[in-house]
N, C-alpha and C. Protein backbone atom coordinates (compact mmCIF):
# COMPACT_ATOMS: atom_id res chain seq x y z
N MET A 1 0.67 -1.09 0.03
CA MET A 1 -0.33 0.43 0.03
C MET A 1 0.58 1.45 -0.15
N THR A 2 0.33 2.13 -0.58
CA THR A 2 1.24 3.60 -0.71
C THR A 2 0.96 4.26 0.35
N ARG A 3 -0.16 4.63 1.07
CA ARG A 3 -0.20 5.78 2.19
C ARG A 3 -0.35 6.44 1.12
N GLU A 4 -0.46 7.17 0.31
CA GLU A 4 -1.17 8.39 -0.40
C GLU A 4 -2.47 8.55 -0.51
N ALA A 5 -2.55 9.81 -0.42
CA ALA A 5 -4.34 10.46 -0.64
C ALA A 5 -4.86 9.52 -1.73
N LEU A 6 -6.02 9.56 -1.66
CA LEU A 6 -6.32 9.22 -3.41
C LEU A 6 -7.93 10.40 -3.81
N PRO A 7 -7.63 10.43 -5.06
CA PRO A 7 -8.81 11.25 -5.49
C PRO A 7 -10.70 10.75 -4.78
N ALA A 8 -11.47 11.73 -5.03
CA ALA A 8 -12.56 11.68 -4.40
C ALA A 8 -12.95 10.35 -5.28
N ASP A 9 -13.73 10.10 -3.83
CA ASP A 9 -14.77 8.55 -4.60
C ASP A 9 -13.79 7.49 -4.97
N GLU A 10 -12.59 7.49 -4.91
CA GLU A 10 -11.72 6.35 -4.91
C GLU A 10 -11.93 5.22 -3.82
N VAL A 11 -11.85 3.95 -3.76
CA VAL A 11 -11.45 3.42 -2.49
C VAL A 11 -10.33 3.08 -2.26
N GLY A 12 -10.10 3.01 -0.84
CA GLY A 12 -8.78 2.85 -0.01
C GLY A 12 -8.92 2.82 1.63
N GLU A 13 -8.08 2.29 2.42
CA GLU A 13 -7.86 2.24 3.65
C GLU A 13 -8.16 3.80 3.94
N LEU A 14 -9.27 3.42 5.41
CA LEU A 14 -9.76 5.05 5.67
C LEU A 14 -8.88 5.06 6.24
N ILE A 15 -8.33 5.89 7.37
CA ILE A 15 -6.75 6.61 8.12
C ILE A 15 -7.40 7.86 8.86
N VAL A 16 -7.19 7.37 10.41
CA VAL A 16 -7.73 8.53 10.77
C VAL A 16 -6.56 9.15 11.75
N ALA A 17 -6.86 10.53 11.68
CA ALA A 17 -5.60 11.91 12.14
C ALA A 17 -6.35 12.50 12.97
N GLY A 18 -5.64 13.07 13.60
CA GLY A 18 -6.05 14.09 14.78
C GLY A 18 -5.91 13.34 16.33
N TYR A 19 -6.87 13.83 17.30
CA TYR A 19 -6.43 13.35 17.81
C TYR A 19 -6.85 11.93 18.25
N VAL A 20 -5.64 10.90 18.35
CA VAL A 20 -6.09 9.89 18.31
C VAL A 20 -5.01 9.02 19.34
N THR A 21 -5.34 7.79 19.70
CA THR A 21 -4.34 7.29 20.69
C THR A 21 -2.96 8.15 20.54
N PRO A 22 -1.70 7.60 21.23
CA PRO A 22 -0.58 7.79 20.74
C PRO A 22 -0.66 6.25 20.21
N GLY A 23 -0.66 5.39 20.74
CA GLY A 23 -0.57 3.58 20.70
C GLY A 23 -0.93 3.03 21.73
N TYR A 24 -0.51 1.84 21.58
CA TYR A 24 -0.86 0.39 22.25
C TYR A 24 -0.29 0.55 23.19
N TYR A 25 -1.56 0.80 24.63
CA TYR A 25 -0.97 0.09 26.22
C TYR A 25 0.56 -1.24 26.42
N ARG A 26 1.00 -0.36 26.52
CA ARG A 26 1.97 -1.61 26.67
C ARG A 26 2.09 -2.52 25.94
N ALA A 27 2.28 -2.21 24.61
CA ALA A 27 2.44 -3.08 23.62
C ALA A 27 2.78 -2.51 22.05
N PRO A 28 4.08 -1.67 22.32
CA PRO A 28 4.36 -1.47 21.49
C PRO A 28 5.09 -1.58 20.06
N GLU A 29 5.18 -3.12 20.12
CA GLU A 29 5.08 -3.93 18.91
C GLU A 29 4.05 -4.06 17.57
N LEU A 30 2.79 -3.67 18.55
CA LEU A 30 1.68 -3.58 17.74
C LEU A 30 1.14 -2.04 16.45
N ASP A 31 1.82 -1.46 17.12
CA ASP A 31 1.76 0.22 16.87
C ASP A 31 2.40 0.20 15.64
N GLY A 32 3.49 -0.39 14.92
CA GLY A 32 3.40 -0.07 12.92
C GLY A 32 2.89 -0.13 12.14
N ALA A 33 1.56 -1.57 12.86
CA ALA A 33 0.95 -2.33 11.85
C ALA A 33 -0.22 -1.15 12.11
N ALA A 34 -1.06 -0.64 12.83
CA ALA A 34 -1.23 0.29 13.57
C ALA A 34 -1.47 1.78 13.00
N PHE A 35 -0.66 2.24 12.43
CA PHE A 35 -0.24 3.86 12.60
C PHE A 35 1.04 3.94 11.02
N ASP A 36 0.35 4.97 10.97
CA ASP A 36 1.06 5.03 9.86
C ASP A 36 2.53 6.24 10.41
N GLN A 37 3.06 6.61 9.39
CA GLN A 37 4.54 7.34 10.27
C GLN A 37 4.16 9.19 10.47
N SER A 38 2.97 9.39 9.97
CA SER A 38 3.00 10.53 10.95
C SER A 38 1.41 10.43 12.00
N GLY A 39 1.63 9.48 11.89
CA GLY A 39 0.61 9.02 13.64
C GLY A 39 -0.98 8.82 13.04
N GLY A 40 -1.36 9.00 12.61
CA GLY A 40 -3.12 8.50 11.67
C GLY A 40 -2.80 6.45 11.82
N PHE A 41 -4.44 6.54 12.47
CA PHE A 41 -4.48 5.30 12.39
C PHE A 41 -4.94 4.46 11.50
N LEU A 42 -4.94 3.30 11.59
CA LEU A 42 -4.95 2.68 9.67
C LEU A 42 -6.49 1.37 10.27
N THR A 43 -7.66 2.22 9.92
CA THR A 43 -8.33 1.36 10.63
C THR A 43 -9.10 -0.14 10.53
N GLY A 44 -8.57 -0.47 8.96
CA GLY A 44 -8.27 -1.65 8.34
C GLY A 44 -9.95 -1.54 7.74
N ASP A 45 -10.58 -0.23 7.68
CA ASP A 45 -11.83 -0.27 6.60
C ASP A 45 -11.73 0.65 5.53
N LEU A 46 -12.71 -0.43 4.23
CA LEU A 46 -12.63 0.42 3.42
C LEU A 46 -13.38 1.27 2.89
N GLY A 47 -13.35 2.66 2.61
CA GLY A 47 -14.09 3.69 2.08
C GLY A 47 -13.94 3.87 1.50
N SER A 48 -14.97 5.35 0.88
CA SER A 48 -14.20 6.38 -0.07
C SER A 48 -14.66 7.85 0.91
N ILE A 49 -14.18 9.10 0.11
CA ILE A 49 -14.73 10.32 0.61
C ILE A 49 -14.49 11.00 -0.61
N ASP A 50 -15.80 11.51 -0.72
CA ASP A 50 -16.76 12.46 -1.56
C ASP A 50 -16.28 13.82 -1.56
N ARG A 51 -16.16 14.61 -2.46
CA ARG A 51 -16.15 15.77 -2.90
C ARG A 51 -16.97 17.25 -1.86
N GLY A 52 -17.77 16.30 -1.46
CA GLY A 52 -18.40 17.11 -0.03
C GLY A 52 -17.33 16.67 1.09
N GLY A 53 -16.58 15.90 1.00
CA GLY A 53 -15.49 15.52 2.84
C GLY A 53 -17.02 14.14 3.10
N ARG A 54 -17.94 14.20 2.69
CA ARG A 54 -18.71 12.75 3.05
C ARG A 54 -17.94 11.23 2.70
N VAL A 55 -17.62 10.77 3.79
CA VAL A 55 -17.55 9.08 4.18
C VAL A 55 -18.11 8.02 3.87
N ARG A 56 -17.79 7.41 3.16
CA ARG A 56 -18.54 5.90 2.63
C ARG A 56 -17.68 4.80 2.61
N PHE A 57 -18.71 4.33 3.83
CA PHE A 57 -17.92 2.82 4.21
C PHE A 57 -18.07 2.01 3.33
N ARG A 58 -17.22 0.84 2.99
CA ARG A 58 -17.17 -0.67 2.04
C ARG A 58 -16.70 -1.13 2.54
N GLY A 59 -16.08 -1.93 3.85
CA GLY A 59 -16.43 -3.03 3.73
C GLY A 59 -14.78 -3.06 4.69
N ARG A 60 -14.25 -4.10 5.39
CA ARG A 60 -13.04 -4.33 6.27
C ARG A 60 -12.49 -4.22 5.43
N LEU A 61 -11.18 -4.46 5.04
CA LEU A 61 -9.64 -4.67 4.61
C LEU A 61 -9.79 -6.17 4.47
N LYS A 62 -9.98 -7.05 6.20
CA LYS A 62 -9.29 -7.97 5.87
C LYS A 62 -10.85 -9.34 5.45
N GLU A 63 -11.34 -8.34 5.38
CA GLU A 63 -12.59 -9.31 4.56
C GLU A 63 -12.65 -9.51 2.79
N MET A 64 -11.86 -8.32 1.86
CA MET A 64 -11.36 -8.47 0.88
C MET A 64 -11.57 -10.56 -0.13
N ILE A 65 -11.85 -9.96 -0.73
CA ILE A 65 -11.64 -10.86 -1.39
C ILE A 65 -10.63 -11.44 -2.70
N LYS A 66 -9.94 -12.03 -2.88
CA LYS A 66 -8.97 -11.54 -4.17
C LYS A 66 -8.63 -13.10 -4.87
N THR A 67 -9.83 -12.66 -5.75
CA THR A 67 -9.97 -13.91 -6.98
C THR A 67 -9.50 -13.76 -8.42
N GLY A 68 -8.26 -14.72 -8.26
CA GLY A 68 -7.29 -14.36 -9.69
C GLY A 68 -6.71 -13.22 -10.07
N GLY A 69 -6.48 -12.25 -8.63
CA GLY A 69 -5.48 -11.47 -8.29
C GLY A 69 -6.21 -9.68 -8.69
N ILE A 70 -7.64 -9.82 -8.24
CA ILE A 70 -8.29 -9.11 -8.27
C ILE A 70 -8.96 -9.09 -6.84
N ASN A 71 -8.98 -8.02 -6.35
CA ASN A 71 -9.72 -7.87 -5.48
C ASN A 71 -11.22 -7.75 -5.08
N VAL A 72 -12.16 -7.66 -4.56
CA VAL A 72 -13.46 -7.70 -4.74
C VAL A 72 -13.96 -7.29 -3.39
N ALA A 73 -14.96 -6.21 -3.14
CA ALA A 73 -15.39 -6.33 -1.46
C ALA A 73 -16.89 -6.92 -1.03
N PRO A 74 -16.92 -6.91 -0.82
CA PRO A 74 -17.98 -8.30 -0.62
C PRO A 74 -19.33 -7.84 -0.29
N LEU A 75 -18.64 -5.95 0.56
CA LEU A 75 -20.37 -5.34 0.51
C LEU A 75 -20.77 -5.05 -0.75
N GLU A 76 -19.85 -5.08 -1.93
CA GLU A 76 -20.37 -4.46 -2.87
C GLU A 76 -21.21 -5.27 -3.23
N VAL A 77 -20.74 -6.24 -3.42
CA VAL A 77 -21.62 -7.73 -4.29
C VAL A 77 -23.20 -7.42 -3.30
N GLU A 78 -22.78 -7.35 -1.74
CA GLU A 78 -23.91 -7.60 -1.47
C GLU A 78 -24.83 -6.16 -1.20
N GLU A 79 -24.73 -5.64 -2.24
CA GLU A 79 -25.25 -4.27 -2.44
C GLU A 79 -26.28 -4.30 -3.47
N VAL A 80 -25.52 -5.02 -4.11
CA VAL A 80 -26.38 -5.92 -5.73
C VAL A 80 -27.23 -6.72 -4.62
N LEU A 81 -26.86 -8.09 -4.74
CA LEU A 81 -27.76 -8.96 -3.74
C LEU A 81 -29.25 -8.43 -3.00
N LEU A 82 -29.18 -7.52 -2.20
CA LEU A 82 -30.20 -6.50 -1.65
C LEU A 82 -30.95 -6.38 -2.06
N GLN A 83 -30.43 -5.57 -3.62
CA GLN A 83 -31.32 -5.07 -4.66
C GLN A 83 -32.02 -6.14 -5.53
N HIS A 84 -32.06 -7.64 -5.06
CA HIS A 84 -33.13 -8.34 -5.93
C HIS A 84 -34.29 -7.98 -5.00
N PRO A 85 -35.53 -8.34 -5.40
CA PRO A 85 -37.32 -8.24 -4.91
C PRO A 85 -37.24 -9.60 -4.02
N ASP A 86 -36.74 -10.61 -4.36
CA ASP A 86 -36.41 -11.34 -4.01
C ASP A 86 -35.18 -12.35 -2.47
N ILE A 87 -34.60 -11.33 -2.31
CA ILE A 87 -33.99 -11.15 -1.71
C ILE A 87 -33.70 -10.31 -0.22
N VAL A 88 -34.07 -11.32 1.12
CA VAL A 88 -33.89 -10.68 2.34
C VAL A 88 -32.61 -10.35 3.35
N GLN A 89 -31.82 -11.30 2.58
CA GLN A 89 -30.65 -11.07 3.35
C GLN A 89 -29.08 -11.09 2.24
N ALA A 90 -28.37 -10.73 2.67
CA ALA A 90 -26.98 -11.46 1.88
C ALA A 90 -25.39 -11.28 2.56
N HIS A 91 -24.96 -12.45 2.71
CA HIS A 91 -23.44 -12.72 2.65
C HIS A 91 -23.04 -13.13 1.63
N VAL A 92 -21.94 -12.17 1.24
CA VAL A 92 -20.59 -12.48 0.21
C VAL A 92 -19.53 -12.31 0.89
N ILE A 93 -18.61 -13.81 0.41
CA ILE A 93 -17.86 -14.57 1.36
C ILE A 93 -15.83 -14.97 -0.55
N GLY A 94 -15.48 -14.76 0.53
CA GLY A 94 -14.06 -15.42 -0.27
C GLY A 94 -14.10 -17.44 -0.13
N VAL A 95 -14.39 -17.69 -0.43
CA VAL A 95 -13.69 -19.18 -0.50
C VAL A 95 -12.23 -19.71 -1.39
N ALA A 96 -11.69 -20.51 -0.93
CA ALA A 96 -10.84 -21.21 -1.64
C ALA A 96 -10.69 -21.53 -2.26
N ASP A 97 -9.74 -21.85 -3.73
CA ASP A 97 -10.54 -22.08 -5.01
C ASP A 97 -9.00 -22.28 -5.58
N ALA A 98 -8.78 -23.41 -6.28
CA ALA A 98 -7.16 -23.68 -6.54
C ALA A 98 -6.86 -23.04 -8.00
N ALA A 99 -7.66 -22.70 -8.48
CA ALA A 99 -7.48 -21.65 -9.95
C ALA A 99 -7.44 -20.73 -9.71
N LYS A 100 -7.86 -19.48 -8.80
CA LYS A 100 -7.69 -18.29 -8.92
C LYS A 100 -7.50 -18.07 -7.27
N GLY A 101 -7.41 -18.98 -6.38
CA GLY A 101 -7.04 -18.15 -5.44
C GLY A 101 -8.24 -18.48 -4.32
N GLU A 102 -9.72 -17.78 -4.36
CA GLU A 102 -10.79 -17.80 -3.77
C GLU A 102 -11.01 -17.16 -4.64
N ILE A 103 -13.04 -18.00 -4.51
CA ILE A 103 -13.63 -17.54 -5.65
C ILE A 103 -14.99 -16.76 -4.90
N VAL A 104 -15.73 -15.47 -5.29
CA VAL A 104 -16.26 -15.19 -4.63
C VAL A 104 -17.92 -16.47 -4.22
N ALA A 105 -18.44 -16.49 -2.93
CA ALA A 105 -19.34 -16.96 -2.60
C ALA A 105 -20.63 -16.28 -1.86
N ALA A 106 -21.94 -16.57 -2.16
CA ALA A 106 -22.95 -16.17 -1.24
C ALA A 106 -23.72 -16.65 -0.31
N VAL A 107 -24.07 -16.32 0.28
CA VAL A 107 -24.91 -17.01 0.63
C VAL A 107 -26.50 -15.36 1.49
N VAL A 108 -27.65 -16.03 0.76
CA VAL A 108 -28.68 -15.22 0.68
C VAL A 108 -30.40 -16.17 1.21
N GLU A 109 -30.79 -15.51 1.81
CA GLU A 109 -31.89 -15.37 2.48
C GLU A 109 -33.27 -15.16 1.19
N PRO A 110 -34.10 -15.73 1.64
CA PRO A 110 -34.67 -15.78 -0.36
C PRO A 110 -36.05 -15.08 0.95
N ARG A 111 -36.69 -13.83 0.49
CA ARG A 111 -37.86 -13.18 0.54
C ARG A 111 -38.88 -14.26 1.27
N PRO A 112 -40.26 -14.02 2.84
CA PRO A 112 -40.47 -15.42 2.29
C PRO A 112 -41.65 -15.67 1.11
N GLY A 113 -41.66 -17.09 0.80
CA GLY A 113 -42.89 -16.90 -0.12
C GLY A 113 -41.98 -17.11 -1.79
N ALA A 114 -40.84 -16.46 -1.65
CA ALA A 114 -40.42 -16.26 -2.67
C ALA A 114 -39.38 -17.48 -2.95
N ALA A 115 -39.04 -18.11 -4.86
CA ALA A 115 -38.48 -19.01 -5.10
C ALA A 115 -36.72 -18.83 -4.81
N ALA A 116 -36.23 -19.82 -4.59
CA ALA A 116 -34.64 -19.88 -4.36
C ALA A 116 -34.45 -20.75 -5.74
N ASP A 117 -34.40 -19.23 -6.94
CA ASP A 117 -33.97 -19.18 -8.10
C ASP A 117 -32.77 -18.47 -8.39
N ALA A 118 -31.68 -19.59 -8.06
CA ALA A 118 -30.68 -19.39 -8.39
C ALA A 118 -29.87 -18.77 -9.75
N PRO A 119 -30.08 -19.55 -10.56
CA PRO A 119 -29.87 -18.87 -11.67
C PRO A 119 -30.78 -16.87 -12.25
N ALA A 120 -31.73 -17.33 -11.84
CA ALA A 120 -32.02 -15.61 -12.00
C ALA A 120 -31.41 -14.95 -11.16
N ILE A 121 -31.00 -15.01 -9.88
CA ILE A 121 -30.29 -14.09 -8.76
C ILE A 121 -29.11 -13.74 -9.42
N ILE A 122 -27.99 -15.04 -10.41
CA ILE A 122 -26.70 -15.09 -10.67
C ILE A 122 -26.76 -13.70 -12.24
N ALA A 123 -28.09 -15.11 -12.11
CA ALA A 123 -28.38 -13.50 -14.58
C ALA A 123 -28.48 -11.22 -13.78
N PHE A 124 -29.22 -11.61 -12.54
CA PHE A 124 -29.50 -10.11 -12.43
C PHE A 124 -28.02 -9.91 -11.32
N CYS A 125 -26.86 -10.45 -10.90
CA CYS A 125 -25.83 -10.26 -10.65
C CYS A 125 -25.24 -10.01 -11.94
N ARG A 126 -25.01 -10.51 -12.78
CA ARG A 126 -24.36 -10.16 -14.27
C ARG A 126 -24.50 -9.13 -14.86
N ASP A 127 -25.94 -8.65 -14.59
CA ASP A 127 -26.00 -7.18 -15.67
C ASP A 127 -26.02 -6.11 -14.88
N ARG A 128 -25.25 -6.38 -13.23
CA ARG A 128 -24.38 -4.85 -12.42
C ARG A 128 -23.64 -5.17 -11.61
N LEU A 129 -22.60 -6.46 -12.12
CA LEU A 129 -21.43 -6.17 -11.56
C LEU A 129 -20.59 -7.15 -13.31
N ALA A 130 -19.26 -6.55 -12.59
CA ALA A 130 -18.08 -7.25 -13.08
C ALA A 130 -18.53 -9.21 -12.69
N SER A 131 -17.66 -9.52 -14.21
CA SER A 131 -18.02 -10.40 -14.47
C SER A 131 -17.09 -11.51 -13.09
N TYR A 132 -15.64 -10.96 -12.76
CA TYR A 132 -15.45 -11.28 -11.91
C TYR A 132 -15.95 -11.26 -10.38
N LYS A 133 -17.04 -10.05 -9.95
CA LYS A 133 -18.03 -9.87 -8.68
C LYS A 133 -18.73 -10.84 -8.89
N VAL A 134 -19.67 -11.37 -9.96
CA VAL A 134 -20.57 -12.25 -9.55
C VAL A 134 -20.06 -13.27 -8.76
N PRO A 135 -20.92 -13.92 -7.54
CA PRO A 135 -21.26 -15.01 -7.24
C PRO A 135 -21.57 -16.81 -8.36
N ALA A 136 -19.91 -17.13 -7.84
CA ALA A 136 -19.45 -18.68 -8.57
C ALA A 136 -19.92 -19.16 -7.90
N ARG A 137 -20.39 -19.32 -5.98
CA ARG A 137 -21.62 -19.90 -5.50
C ARG A 137 -22.25 -19.46 -5.23
N LEU A 138 -23.50 -20.24 -5.04
CA LEU A 138 -24.86 -19.10 -4.35
C LEU A 138 -25.83 -20.80 -3.79
N ARG A 139 -25.88 -19.72 -2.04
CA ARG A 139 -26.69 -21.19 -1.63
C ARG A 139 -27.90 -19.55 -0.85
N PHE A 140 -29.30 -20.67 -0.01
CA PHE A 140 -30.26 -20.60 0.19
C PHE A 140 -30.70 -21.03 1.31
N TYR A 141 -29.95 -19.49 2.74
CA TYR A 141 -30.04 -20.34 3.91
C TYR A 141 -31.80 -19.33 4.49
N THR A 142 -32.66 -19.86 5.42
CA THR A 142 -33.18 -19.40 5.61
C THR A 142 -32.23 -18.68 7.11
N ALA A 143 -33.29 -17.49 7.68
CA ALA A 143 -32.17 -16.69 9.03
C ALA A 143 -32.13 -17.47 10.32
N ASP A 144 -32.85 -18.62 10.43
CA ASP A 144 -32.60 -19.58 11.95
C ASP A 144 -31.18 -20.11 11.37
N GLN A 145 -30.73 -19.95 10.03
CA GLN A 145 -29.88 -21.61 9.14
C GLN A 145 -28.37 -20.70 9.43
N LEU A 146 -28.34 -19.08 9.88
CA LEU A 146 -27.65 -18.43 9.48
C LEU A 146 -26.63 -18.62 10.57
N PRO A 147 -25.38 -19.38 10.49
CA PRO A 147 -23.95 -19.27 11.65
C PRO A 147 -24.34 -17.39 12.24
N ARG A 148 -24.31 -17.93 13.70
CA ARG A 148 -24.31 -15.95 14.54
C ARG A 148 -22.81 -16.35 15.46
N THR A 149 -22.25 -15.20 15.88
CA THR A 149 -21.74 -15.28 16.96
C THR A 149 -22.44 -14.72 18.17
N PRO A 150 -21.38 -15.06 19.38
CA PRO A 150 -22.68 -14.75 20.23
C PRO A 150 -23.24 -13.02 20.93
N THR A 151 -22.96 -12.07 19.70
CA THR A 151 -23.17 -10.91 20.11
C THR A 151 -24.14 -11.19 18.93
N GLY A 152 -24.86 -12.19 17.87
CA GLY A 152 -25.95 -11.63 16.78
C GLY A 152 -25.22 -12.07 15.67
N LYS A 153 -24.28 -11.28 15.22
CA LYS A 153 -23.73 -11.10 14.11
C LYS A 153 -23.20 -12.05 12.83
N ILE A 154 -23.52 -12.40 12.01
CA ILE A 154 -23.05 -13.33 10.80
C ILE A 154 -21.52 -13.48 11.04
N HIS A 155 -21.23 -15.01 11.55
CA HIS A 155 -20.49 -15.94 11.60
C HIS A 155 -19.77 -16.12 10.02
N LYS A 156 -19.43 -15.60 9.58
CA LYS A 156 -18.36 -15.23 7.90
C LYS A 156 -17.59 -16.80 7.82
N PRO A 157 -17.24 -16.47 8.91
CA PRO A 157 -15.93 -18.14 9.01
C PRO A 157 -16.36 -19.16 8.68
N SER A 158 -18.27 -18.86 9.11
CA SER A 158 -18.95 -20.41 9.26
C SER A 158 -19.27 -20.65 7.59
N LEU A 159 -19.66 -19.91 7.46
CA LEU A 159 -20.26 -20.07 5.70
C LEU A 159 -19.05 -20.28 5.61
N ALA A 160 -17.65 -19.92 4.77
CA ALA A 160 -16.88 -20.14 4.25
C ALA A 160 -16.51 -21.35 4.15
N GLY A 161 -16.99 -22.13 5.57
CA GLY A 161 -16.64 -23.90 6.02
C GLY A 161 -17.41 -24.59 5.47
N ALA A 162 -18.38 -23.95 5.22
CA ALA A 162 -19.65 -24.52 4.86
C ALA A 162 -19.50 -24.99 3.62
N PHE A 163 -19.16 -23.90 2.63
CA PHE A 163 -18.60 -24.34 1.57
C PHE A 163 -17.43 -24.56 1.16
N ALA A 164 -16.80 -24.62 2.25
CA ALA A 164 -15.25 -25.85 1.72
C ALA A 164 -15.54 -27.40 1.89
N ALA A 165 -16.85 -27.70 2.93
CA ALA A 165 -17.43 -29.13 2.67
C ALA A 165 -18.23 -29.34 1.37
N GLU A 166 -18.66 -28.36 1.53
CA GLU A 166 -19.87 -29.09 0.24
C GLU A 166 -19.44 -28.97 -0.97
N GLY A 167 -18.16 -28.72 -0.83
CA GLY A 167 -17.57 -28.87 -2.34
C GLY A 167 -17.53 -27.98 -3.75
N GLY A 168 -16.74 -28.09 -4.54
CA GLY A 168 -17.58 -27.07 -5.62
C GLY A 168 -18.82 -27.51 -6.68
N HIS A 169 -19.53 -26.64 -6.53
CA HIS A 169 -20.80 -26.70 -7.13
C HIS A 169 -21.11 -25.76 -7.18
N ASP A 170 -21.54 -25.30 -8.60
CA ASP A 170 -21.37 -23.59 -9.09
C ASP A 170 -22.74 -22.90 -8.56
N ALA A 171 -22.64 -22.14 -8.75
CA ALA A 171 -24.14 -20.75 -8.50
C ALA A 171 -24.77 -21.31 -9.12
N GLY A 172 -25.13 -22.38 -10.15
CA GLY A 172 -26.45 -22.30 -11.25
C GLY A 172 -27.22 -23.55 -9.52
N SER A 173 -26.06 -24.31 -9.14
CA SER A 173 -26.59 -25.30 -8.36
C SER A 173 -27.54 -25.92 -7.42
N GLY A 174 -27.97 -23.96 -6.51
CA GLY A 174 -28.45 -24.02 -5.18
C GLY A 174 -28.64 -24.30 -4.37
């Protein structure tokens, strides 16, 4: 990473400057990875800042999917999936792949009464996303089937583990 300022609306890591902690308490070995040379805090969050100064959160840096050498932000794919009229929730993760390093995979919760139509959802994504961002694997879960942390957040590593356990079925296989 260059740590150079980016033009308006370009996505990069958000760095907070100003009155921030001077470092980790009794753990100075952690400071190098958490602060830039000018003392700015490296949040690990991806975002952009528009010309008016508004910050738009785009996801977490550690959640970035690297597929075929190209970075994909799960949040961007989730936003597209949530535009589909039959989807209530969408969670996008990277799943290990021998050829590409990782592939984009998605777990969606269909709206009650909606058909679980994977080919239609994939076609919807193809119309709105670059081809490398379209989920290669898609699964349908109910809200109760989604693995959660003790605080109620979706546990994405468990979703990735479920895809890995299933083997390589394409997005159209449901």
